Amino acid sequence: MGPKADQIGMLFHLAARGPDGLVVVNLWDSEEASEKAAQDPEIDQARQAMRDSGTATGPPEFEHYEVNDYRPVSGA
């Protein structure tokens, strides 16, 4: 995602390849920050680059969940 996402409020980013394609989990400091990132042209360019390279297919799907527990591990 890059520095722009950090400025908007991204706390955590994970990308993993599963049997059905790429799965991305982003943790934002608020749902509003997530929505702002979804509309940001610079971040959209990164998503388009992923589609162009074949890393991702189709438009992204967004789901929001409230995090009940988040524990960063020191040294990880």
PDB file of N, CA and C in Angstrom:
ATOM      1  N   MET A   1       0.818  -1.193   0.000  1.00  0.00           N
ATOM      2  CA  MET A   1       0.000   0.000   0.000  1.00  0.00           C
ATOM      3  C   MET A   1       0.860   1.255   0.000  1.00  0.00           C
ATOM      4  N   GLY A   2       1.793   1.367   0.914  1.00  0.00           N
ATOM      5  CA  GLY A   2       2.702   2.494   0.868  1.00  0.00           C
ATOM      6  C   GLY A   2       2.393   3.603   1.846  1.00  0.00           C
ATOM      7  N   PRO A   3       3.184   4.674   1.766  1.00  0.00           N
ATOM      8  CA  PRO A   3       3.084   5.781   2.725  1.00  0.00           C
ATOM      9  C   PRO A   3       1.716   6.456   2.735  1.00  0.00           C
ATOM     10  N   LYS A   4       1.061   6.539   1.596  1.00  0.00           N
ATOM     11  CA  LYS A   4      -0.247   7.204   1.537  1.00  0.00           C
ATOM     12  C   LYS A   4      -1.241   6.495   2.454  1.00  0.00           C
ATOM     13  N   ALA A   5      -1.244   5.173   2.429  1.00  0.00           N
ATOM     14  CA  ALA A   5      -2.150   4.414   3.288  1.00  0.00           C
ATOM     15  C   ALA A   5      -1.844   4.675   4.759  1.00  0.00           C
ATOM     16  N   ASP A   6      -0.561   4.753   5.095  1.00  0.00           N
ATOM     17  CA  ASP A   6      -0.180   5.051   6.480  1.00  0.00           C
ATOM     18  C   ASP A   6      -0.707   6.418   6.904  1.00  0.00           C
ATOM     19  N   GLN A   7      -0.635   7.390   6.007  1.00  0.00           N
ATOM     20  CA  GLN A   7      -1.115   8.742   6.304  1.00  0.00           C
ATOM     21  C   GLN A   7      -2.623   8.758   6.522  1.00  0.00           C
ATOM     22  N   ILE A   8      -3.341   7.912   5.801  1.00  0.00           N
ATOM     23  CA  ILE A   8      -4.802   7.872   5.916  1.00  0.00           C
ATOM     24  C   ILE A   8      -5.229   7.171   7.204  1.00  0.00           C
ATOM     25  N   GLY A   9      -4.432   6.215   7.691  1.00  0.00           N
ATOM     26  CA  GLY A   9      -4.788   5.540   8.936  1.00  0.00           C
ATOM     27  C   GLY A   9      -4.648   4.031   8.915  1.00  0.00           C
ATOM     28  N   MET A  10      -3.865   3.490   7.971  1.00  0.00           N
ATOM     29  CA  MET A  10      -3.665   2.045   7.953  1.00  0.00           C
ATOM     30  C   MET A  10      -2.763   1.632   9.109  1.00  0.00           C
ATOM     31  N   LEU A  11      -3.197   0.578   9.820  1.00  0.00           N
ATOM     32  CA  LEU A  11      -2.430   0.047  10.939  1.00  0.00           C
ATOM     33  C   LEU A  11      -1.711  -1.248  10.581  1.00  0.00           C
ATOM     34  N   PHE A  12      -2.278  -2.019   9.636  1.00  0.00           N
ATOM     35  CA  PHE A  12      -1.774  -3.358   9.346  1.00  0.00           C
ATOM     36  C   PHE A  12      -2.192  -3.742   7.938  1.00  0.00           C
ATOM     37  N   HIS A  13      -1.308  -4.436   7.213  1.00  0.00           N
ATOM     38  CA  HIS A  13      -1.611  -4.915   5.859  1.00  0.00           C
ATOM     39  C   HIS A  13      -1.086  -6.334   5.725  1.00  0.00           C
ATOM     40  N   LEU A  14      -1.921  -7.225   5.195  1.00  0.00           N
ATOM     41  CA  LEU A  14      -1.523  -8.600   4.946  1.00  0.00           C
ATOM     42  C   LEU A  14      -2.076  -9.015   3.592  1.00  0.00           C
ATOM     43  N   ALA A  15      -1.259  -9.645   2.772  1.00  0.00           N
ATOM     44  CA  ALA A  15      -1.709 -10.195   1.492  1.00  0.00           C
ATOM     45  C   ALA A  15      -1.281 -11.651   1.440  1.00  0.00           C
ATOM     46  N   ALA A  16      -2.208 -12.530   1.085  1.00  0.00           N
ATOM     47  CA  ALA A  16      -1.915 -13.960   1.008  1.00  0.00           C
ATOM     48  C   ALA A  16      -2.622 -14.547  -0.205  1.00  0.00           C
ATOM     49  N   ARG A  17      -1.965 -15.502  -0.836  1.00  0.00           N
ATOM     50  CA  ARG A  17      -2.582 -16.182  -1.967  1.00  0.00           C
ATOM     51  C   ARG A  17      -3.293 -17.422  -1.441  1.00  0.00           C
ATOM     52  N   GLY A  18      -4.571 -17.528  -1.765  1.00  0.00           N
ATOM     53  CA  GLY A  18      -5.369 -18.675  -1.380  1.00  0.00           C
ATOM     54  C   GLY A  18      -5.816 -19.431  -2.618  1.00  0.00           C
ATOM     55  N   PRO A  19      -6.593 -20.484  -2.449  1.00  0.00           N
ATOM     56  CA  PRO A  19      -7.032 -21.281  -3.595  1.00  0.00           C
ATOM     57  C   PRO A  19      -7.927 -20.506  -4.564  1.00  0.00           C
ATOM     58  N   ASP A  20      -8.581 -19.463  -4.076  1.00  0.00           N
ATOM     59  CA  ASP A  20      -9.470 -18.668  -4.927  1.00  0.00           C
ATOM     60  C   ASP A  20      -8.852 -17.353  -5.359  1.00  0.00           C
ATOM     61  N   GLY A  21      -7.561 -17.158  -5.105  1.00  0.00           N
ATOM     62  CA  GLY A  21      -6.905 -15.919  -5.505  1.00  0.00           C
ATOM     63  C   GLY A  21      -6.294 -15.197  -4.320  1.00  0.00           C
ATOM     64  N   LEU A  22      -6.037 -13.926  -4.528  1.00  0.00           N
ATOM     65  CA  LEU A  22      -5.373 -13.105  -3.524  1.00  0.00           C
ATOM     66  C   LEU A  22      -6.371 -12.640  -2.463  1.00  0.00           C
ATOM     67  N   VAL A  23      -5.969 -12.751  -1.209  1.00  0.00           N
ATOM     68  CA  VAL A  23      -6.766 -12.256  -0.091  1.00  0.00           C
ATOM     69  C   VAL A  23      -5.947 -11.158   0.583  1.00  0.00           C
ATOM     70  N   VAL A  24      -6.548  -9.996   0.750  1.00  0.00           N
ATOM     71  CA  VAL A  24      -5.873  -8.872   1.391  1.00  0.00           C
ATOM     72  C   VAL A  24      -6.674  -8.469   2.619  1.00  0.00           C
ATOM     73  N   VAL A  25      -5.987  -8.332   3.740  1.00  0.00           N
ATOM     74  CA  VAL A  25      -6.612  -7.863   4.975  1.00  0.00           C
ATOM     75  C   VAL A  25      -5.900  -6.581   5.378  1.00  0.00           C
ATOM     76  N   ASN A  26      -6.641  -5.513   5.478  1.00  0.00           N
ATOM     77  CA  ASN A  26      -6.111  -4.228   5.924  1.00  0.00           C
ATOM     78  C   ASN A  26      -6.824  -3.831   7.203  1.00  0.00           C
ATOM     79  N   LEU A  27      -6.066  -3.407   8.186  1.00  0.00           N
ATOM     80  CA  LEU A  27      -6.631  -2.910   9.435  1.00  0.00           C
ATOM     81  C   LEU A  27      -6.453  -1.402   9.452  1.00  0.00           C
ATOM     82  N   TRP A  28      -7.579  -0.684   9.564  1.00  0.00           N
ATOM     83  CA  TRP A  28      -7.581   0.779   9.556  1.00  0.00           C
ATOM     84  C   TRP A  28      -7.967   1.278  10.932  1.00  0.00           C
ATOM     85  N   ASP A  29      -7.596   2.512  11.238  1.00  0.00           N
ATOM     86  CA  ASP A  29      -7.948   3.059  12.547  1.00  0.00           C
ATOM     87  C   ASP A  29      -9.425   3.413  12.651  1.00  0.00           C
ATOM     88  N   SER A  30     -10.151   3.416  11.519  1.00  0.00           N
ATOM     89  CA  SER A  30     -11.598   3.652  11.530  1.00  0.00           C
ATOM     90  C   SER A  30     -12.184   3.203  10.196  1.00  0.00           C
ATOM     91  N   GLU A  31     -13.481   2.974  10.175  1.00  0.00           N
ATOM     92  CA  GLU A  31     -14.154   2.640   8.919  1.00  0.00           C
ATOM     93  C   GLU A  31     -14.065   3.811   7.945  1.00  0.00           C
ATOM     94  N   GLU A  32     -14.098   5.028   8.477  1.00  0.00           N
ATOM     95  CA  GLU A  32     -13.987   6.218   7.627  1.00  0.00           C
ATOM     96  C   GLU A  32     -12.636   6.245   6.906  1.00  0.00           C
ATOM     97  N   ALA A  33     -11.569   5.854   7.603  1.00  0.00           N
ATOM     98  CA  ALA A  33     -10.245   5.808   6.974  1.00  0.00           C
ATOM     99  C   ALA A  33     -10.221   4.768   5.860  1.00  0.00           C
ATOM    100  N   SER A  34     -10.859   3.633   6.088  1.00  0.00           N
ATOM    101  CA  SER A  34     -10.946   2.597   5.059  1.00  0.00           C
ATOM    102  C   SER A  34     -11.679   3.116   3.829  1.00  0.00           C
ATOM    103  N   GLU A  35     -12.790   3.794   4.061  1.00  0.00           N
ATOM    104  CA  GLU A  35     -13.564   4.356   2.945  1.00  0.00           C
ATOM    105  C   GLU A  35     -12.761   5.421   2.199  1.00  0.00           C
ATOM    106  N   LYS A  36     -12.041   6.251   2.932  1.00  0.00           N
ATOM    107  CA  LYS A  36     -11.215   7.284   2.303  1.00  0.00           C
ATOM    108  C   LYS A  36     -10.147   6.640   1.425  1.00  0.00           C
ATOM    109  N   ALA A  37      -9.516   5.583   1.928  1.00  0.00           N
ATOM    110  CA  ALA A  37      -8.495   4.882   1.147  1.00  0.00           C
ATOM    111  C   ALA A  37      -9.096   4.250  -0.103  1.00  0.00           C
ATOM    112  N   ALA A  38     -10.303   3.715   0.026  1.00  0.00           N
ATOM    113  CA  ALA A  38     -10.953   3.080  -1.124  1.00  0.00           C
ATOM    114  C   ALA A  38     -11.202   4.078  -2.245  1.00  0.00           C
ATOM    115  N   GLN A  39     -11.352   5.349  -1.906  1.00  0.00           N
ATOM    116  CA  GLN A  39     -11.624   6.391  -2.895  1.00  0.00           C
ATOM    117  C   GLN A  39     -10.368   7.138  -3.342  1.00  0.00           C
ATOM    118  N   ASP A  40      -9.219   6.858  -2.738  1.00  0.00           N
ATOM    119  CA  ASP A  40      -8.001   7.607  -3.030  1.00  0.00           C
ATOM    120  C   ASP A  40      -7.408   7.193  -4.380  1.00  0.00           C
ATOM    121  N   PRO A  41      -7.158   8.153  -5.287  1.00  0.00           N
ATOM    122  CA  PRO A  41      -6.628   7.827  -6.618  1.00  0.00           C
ATOM    123  C   PRO A  41      -5.265   7.130  -6.579  1.00  0.00           C
ATOM    124  N   GLU A  42      -4.390   7.520  -5.661  1.00  0.00           N
ATOM    125  CA  GLU A  42      -3.059   6.908  -5.584  1.00  0.00           C
ATOM    126  C   GLU A  42      -3.153   5.435  -5.175  1.00  0.00           C
ATOM    127  N   ILE A  43      -4.008   5.147  -4.227  1.00  0.00           N
ATOM    128  CA  ILE A  43      -4.192   3.764  -3.789  1.00  0.00           C
ATOM    129  C   ILE A  43      -4.899   2.967  -4.876  1.00  0.00           C
ATOM    130  N   ASP A  44      -5.822   3.595  -5.590  1.00  0.00           N
ATOM    131  CA  ASP A  44      -6.485   2.913  -6.699  1.00  0.00           C
ATOM    132  C   ASP A  44      -5.483   2.551  -7.792  1.00  0.00           C
ATOM    133  N   GLN A  45      -4.485   3.394  -8.018  1.00  0.00           N
ATOM    134  CA  GLN A  45      -3.437   3.076  -8.997  1.00  0.00           C
ATOM    135  C   GLN A  45      -2.675   1.818  -8.577  1.00  0.00           C
ATOM    136  N   ALA A  46      -2.431   1.656  -7.295  1.00  0.00           N
ATOM    137  CA  ALA A  46      -1.748   0.451  -6.801  1.00  0.00           C
ATOM    138  C   ALA A  46      -2.610  -0.781  -7.052  1.00  0.00           C
ATOM    139  N   ARG A  47      -3.921  -0.670  -6.825  1.00  0.00           N
ATOM    140  CA  ARG A  47      -4.818  -1.798  -7.099  1.00  0.00           C
ATOM    141  C   ARG A  47      -4.830  -2.116  -8.590  1.00  0.00           C
ATOM    142  N   GLN A  48      -4.823  -1.075  -9.436  1.00  0.00           N
ATOM    143  CA  GLN A  48      -4.813  -1.291 -10.880  1.00  0.00           C
ATOM    144  C   GLN A  48      -3.518  -1.975 -11.314  1.00  0.00           C
ATOM    145  N   ALA A  49      -2.401  -1.597 -10.723  1.00  0.00           N
ATOM    146  CA  ALA A  49      -1.121  -2.240 -11.046  1.00  0.00           C
ATOM    147  C   ALA A  49      -1.165  -3.724 -10.689  1.00  0.00           C
ATOM    148  N   MET A  50      -1.831  -4.065  -9.586  1.00  0.00           N
ATOM    149  CA  MET A  50      -1.974  -5.471  -9.207  1.00  0.00           C
ATOM    150  C   MET A  50      -2.816  -6.223 -10.229  1.00  0.00           C
ATOM    151  N   ARG A  51      -3.882  -5.586 -10.719  1.00  0.00           N
ATOM    152  CA  ARG A  51      -4.706  -6.228 -11.748  1.00  0.00           C
ATOM    153  C   ARG A  51      -3.918  -6.377 -13.046  1.00  0.00           C
ATOM    154  N   ASP A  52      -3.172  -5.336 -13.427  1.00  0.00           N
ATOM    155  CA  ASP A  52      -2.393  -5.369 -14.667  1.00  0.00           C
ATOM    156  C   ASP A  52      -1.334  -6.464 -14.641  1.00  0.00           C
ATOM    157  N   SER A  53      -0.764  -6.722 -13.478  1.00  0.00           N
ATOM    158  CA  SER A  53       0.285  -7.741 -13.362  1.00  0.00           C
ATOM    159  C   SER A  53      -0.286  -9.146 -13.216  1.00  0.00           C
ATOM    160  N   GLY A  54      -1.612  -9.244 -13.047  1.00  0.00           N
ATOM    161  CA  GLY A  54      -2.240 -10.544 -12.860  1.00  0.00           C
ATOM    162  C   GLY A  54      -2.246 -11.005 -11.416  1.00  0.00           C
ATOM    163  N   THR A  55      -1.716 -10.186 -10.517  1.00  0.00           N
ATOM    164  CA  THR A  55      -1.710 -10.530  -9.095  1.00  0.00           C
ATOM    165  C   THR A  55      -3.128 -10.562  -8.546  1.00  0.00           C
ATOM    166  N   ALA A  56      -3.962  -9.658  -9.025  1.00  0.00           N
ATOM    167  CA  ALA A  56      -5.362  -9.595  -8.601  1.00  0.00           C
ATOM    168  C   ALA A  56      -6.238  -9.601  -9.846  1.00  0.00           C
ATOM    169  N   THR A  57      -7.424 -10.143  -9.722  1.00  0.00           N
ATOM    170  CA  THR A  57      -8.371 -10.153 -10.833  1.00  0.00           C
ATOM    171  C   THR A  57      -9.674  -9.522 -10.372  1.00  0.00           C
ATOM    172  N   GLY A  58     -10.289  -8.779 -11.254  1.00  0.00           N
ATOM    173  CA  GLY A  58     -11.573  -8.175 -10.941  1.00  0.00           C
ATOM    174  C   GLY A  58     -11.469  -7.053  -9.930  1.00  0.00           C
ATOM    175  N   PRO A  59     -12.597  -6.419  -9.683  1.00  0.00           N
ATOM    176  CA  PRO A  59     -12.608  -5.315  -8.717  1.00  0.00           C
ATOM    177  C   PRO A  59     -12.488  -5.847  -7.289  1.00  0.00           C
ATOM    178  N   PRO A  60     -11.947  -5.034  -6.390  1.00  0.00           N
ATOM    179  CA  PRO A  60     -11.835  -5.490  -4.999  1.00  0.00           C
ATOM    180  C   PRO A  60     -13.209  -5.575  -4.340  1.00  0.00           C
ATOM    181  N   GLU A  61     -13.316  -6.469  -3.393  1.00  0.00           N
ATOM    182  CA  GLU A  61     -14.523  -6.576  -2.573  1.00  0.00           C
ATOM    183  C   GLU A  61     -14.166  -6.056  -1.187  1.00  0.00           C
ATOM    184  N   PHE A  62     -15.026  -5.215  -0.641  1.00  0.00           N
ATOM    185  CA  PHE A  62     -14.760  -4.613   0.666  1.00  0.00           C
ATOM    186  C   PHE A  62     -15.767  -5.122   1.685  1.00  0.00           C
ATOM    187  N   GLU A  63     -15.267  -5.552   2.830  1.00  0.00           N
ATOM    188  CA  GLU A  63     -16.102  -5.917   3.967  1.00  0.00           C
ATOM    189  C   GLU A  63     -15.486  -5.264   5.191  1.00  0.00           C
ATOM    190  N   HIS A  64     -16.318  -4.768   6.077  1.00  0.00           N
ATOM    191  CA  HIS A  64     -15.826  -4.124   7.294  1.00  0.00           C
ATOM    192  C   HIS A  64     -16.250  -4.943   8.509  1.00  0.00           C
ATOM    193  N   TYR A  65     -15.309  -5.122   9.408  1.00  0.00           N
ATOM    194  CA  TYR A  65     -15.551  -5.817  10.667  1.00  0.00           C
ATOM    195  C   TYR A  65     -14.975  -4.979  11.798  1.00  0.00           C
ATOM    196  N   GLU A  66     -15.620  -5.012  12.936  1.00  0.00           N
ATOM    197  CA  GLU A  66     -15.077  -4.338  14.111  1.00  0.00           C
ATOM    198  C   GLU A  66     -14.089  -5.285  14.790  1.00  0.00           C
ATOM    199  N   VAL A  67     -12.887  -4.809  15.027  1.00  0.00           N
ATOM    200  CA  VAL A  67     -11.852  -5.633  15.649  1.00  0.00           C
ATOM    201  C   VAL A  67     -12.064  -5.642  17.158  1.00  0.00           C
ATOM    202  N   ASN A  68     -12.131  -6.831  17.721  1.00  0.00           N
ATOM    203  CA  ASN A  68     -12.298  -6.972  19.163  1.00  0.00           C
ATOM    204  C   ASN A  68     -10.971  -7.071  19.895  1.00  0.00           C
ATOM    205  N   ASP A  69      -9.935  -7.553  19.217  1.00  0.00           N
ATOM    206  CA  ASP A  69      -8.639  -7.723  19.866  1.00  0.00           C
ATOM    207  C   ASP A  69      -7.553  -7.649  18.803  1.00  0.00           C
ATOM    208  N   TYR A  70      -6.542  -6.833  19.037  1.00  0.00           N
ATOM    209  CA  TYR A  70      -5.402  -6.699  18.129  1.00  0.00           C
ATOM    210  C   TYR A  70      -4.152  -6.628  18.981  1.00  0.00           C
ATOM    211  N   ARG A  71      -3.236  -7.570  18.790  1.00  0.00           N
ATOM    212  CA  ARG A  71      -2.023  -7.637  19.608  1.00  0.00           C
ATOM    213  C   ARG A  71      -0.790  -7.730  18.714  1.00  0.00           C
ATOM    214  N   PRO A  72      -0.138  -6.612  18.467  1.00  0.00           N
ATOM    215  CA  PRO A  72       1.115  -6.701  17.716  1.00  0.00           C
ATOM    216  C   PRO A  72       2.181  -7.405  18.560  1.00  0.00           C
ATOM    217  N   VAL A  73       2.980  -8.208  17.914  1.00  0.00           N
ATOM    218  CA  VAL A  73       4.036  -8.944  18.596  1.00  0.00           C
ATOM    219  C   VAL A  73       5.344  -8.196  18.399  1.00  0.00           C
ATOM    220  N   SER A  74       6.016  -7.869  19.473  1.00  0.00           N
ATOM    221  CA  SER A  74       7.277  -7.136  19.345  1.00  0.00           C
ATOM    222  C   SER A  74       8.320  -8.031  18.688  1.00  0.00           C
ATOM    223  N   GLY A  75       9.117  -7.428  17.821  1.00  0.00           N
ATOM    224  CA  GLY A  75      10.155  -8.164  17.127  1.00  0.00           C
ATOM    225  C   GLY A  75       9.676  -8.922  15.912  1.00  0.00           C
ATOM    226  N   ALA A  76       8.397  -8.845  15.606  1.00  0.00           N
ATOM    227  CA  ALA A  76       7.865  -9.575  14.446  1.00  0.00           C
ATOM    228  C   ALA A  76       8.015  -8.757  13.192  1.00  0.00           C
TER     229      ALA A  76
END
